Amino acid sequence: MAGVHLFDVYALDEPIGLGGEEKLIGRINTKSETIPSLYGDTRLFFRHMRFNDDLRRRPDWFDHVEIFEDPLWTDVIPLP
């Protein structure tokens, strides 16, 4: 169904230890009827920036965030 609100997207503007606040940065809404597709299931991916890239740009955040091992997405979600 078109015009359906699916998600609100929130993010911190800085680490909490530096006074960061959660802010609404977007809304995900449908613009048309949704249909299943092989392309969407097997080829459609969204690129996300790595948190390590954020830390390179903002080294002052390093002492205020928890660092996790950075697996490749293909290790977590194998492709068919």
Protein backbone atom coordinates (compact mmCIF):
# COMPACT_ATOMS: atom_id res chain seq x y z
CA MET A 1 0.00 0.00 0.00
CA ALA A 2 1.38 3.43 -0.90
CA GLY A 3 1.99 6.05 1.76
CA VAL A 4 2.54 3.63 4.65
CA HIS A 5 4.93 4.79 7.37
CA LEU A 6 7.37 1.95 8.10
CA PHE A 7 10.12 3.36 10.34
CA ASP A 8 11.49 6.46 11.99
CA VAL A 9 15.30 6.59 11.79
CA TYR A 10 17.24 8.02 14.74
CA ALA A 11 20.94 8.62 15.33
CA LEU A 12 23.17 10.12 17.98
CA ASP A 13 24.86 13.35 16.89
CA GLU A 14 27.85 12.54 19.16
CA PRO A 15 28.70 9.81 21.66
CA ILE A 16 26.60 10.01 24.82
CA GLY A 17 29.76 10.63 26.88
CA LEU A 18 30.27 13.86 24.92
CA GLY A 19 26.68 15.02 25.42
CA GLY A 20 25.27 13.37 22.30
CA GLU A 21 21.54 13.50 21.74
CA GLU A 22 19.31 11.16 19.80
CA LYS A 23 17.81 12.95 16.80
CA LEU A 24 15.28 11.98 14.18
CA ILE A 25 17.21 11.90 10.89
CA GLY A 26 14.62 10.38 8.58
CA ARG A 27 11.41 8.53 7.98
CA ILE A 28 10.93 5.46 5.81
CA ASN A 29 7.60 5.52 3.96
CA THR A 30 6.31 3.56 1.00
CA LYS A 31 5.68 5.50 -2.21
CA SER A 32 3.98 2.68 -4.10
CA GLU A 33 2.57 -0.78 -3.70
CA THR A 34 5.21 -3.26 -2.53
CA ILE A 35 5.86 -6.42 -4.48
CA PRO A 36 8.35 -9.28 -3.98
CA SER A 37 11.22 -9.42 -6.44
CA LEU A 38 14.20 -11.66 -7.06
CA TYR A 39 16.31 -8.55 -7.73
CA GLY A 40 15.41 -7.07 -4.35
CA ASP A 41 16.11 -10.35 -2.59
CA THR A 42 19.46 -11.09 -4.24
CA ARG A 43 20.99 -7.91 -5.69
CA LEU A 44 19.69 -4.83 -3.87
CA PHE A 45 22.04 -3.67 -1.11
CA PHE A 46 22.55 -0.39 0.69
CA ARG A 47 26.00 0.91 1.49
CA HIS A 48 26.56 2.00 5.05
CA MET A 49 29.56 3.95 6.23
CA ARG A 50 31.82 2.01 8.59
CA PHE A 51 32.04 3.33 12.13
CA ASN A 52 35.84 3.11 11.87
CA ASP A 53 35.58 5.82 9.19
CA ASP A 54 33.70 8.02 11.66
CA LEU A 55 36.45 7.50 14.22
CA ARG A 56 39.11 8.50 11.68
CA ARG A 57 37.21 11.73 11.11
CA ARG A 58 36.45 12.27 14.81
CA PRO A 59 39.34 10.81 16.85
CA ASP A 60 38.01 12.64 19.94
CA TRP A 61 35.15 10.09 19.99
CA PHE A 62 37.47 7.11 20.44
CA ASP A 63 37.53 7.14 24.27
CA HIS A 64 33.73 7.51 24.42
CA VAL A 65 32.54 4.57 22.33
CA GLU A 66 32.59 0.79 22.61
CA ILE A 67 34.70 -0.88 19.92
CA PHE A 68 33.59 -4.21 18.48
CA GLU A 69 35.28 -6.56 16.05
CA ASP A 70 34.47 -5.41 12.51
CA PRO A 71 33.37 -8.51 10.54
CA LEU A 72 32.77 -8.39 6.82
CA TRP A 73 29.05 -8.50 6.04
CA THR A 74 29.65 -11.54 3.86
CA ASP A 75 30.86 -13.39 6.96
CA VAL A 76 27.57 -12.57 8.71
CA ILE A 77 25.11 -12.95 5.81
CA PRO A 78 26.34 -15.41 3.20
CA LEU A 79 24.99 -14.86 -0.31
CA PRO A 80 23.20 -17.68 -2.12
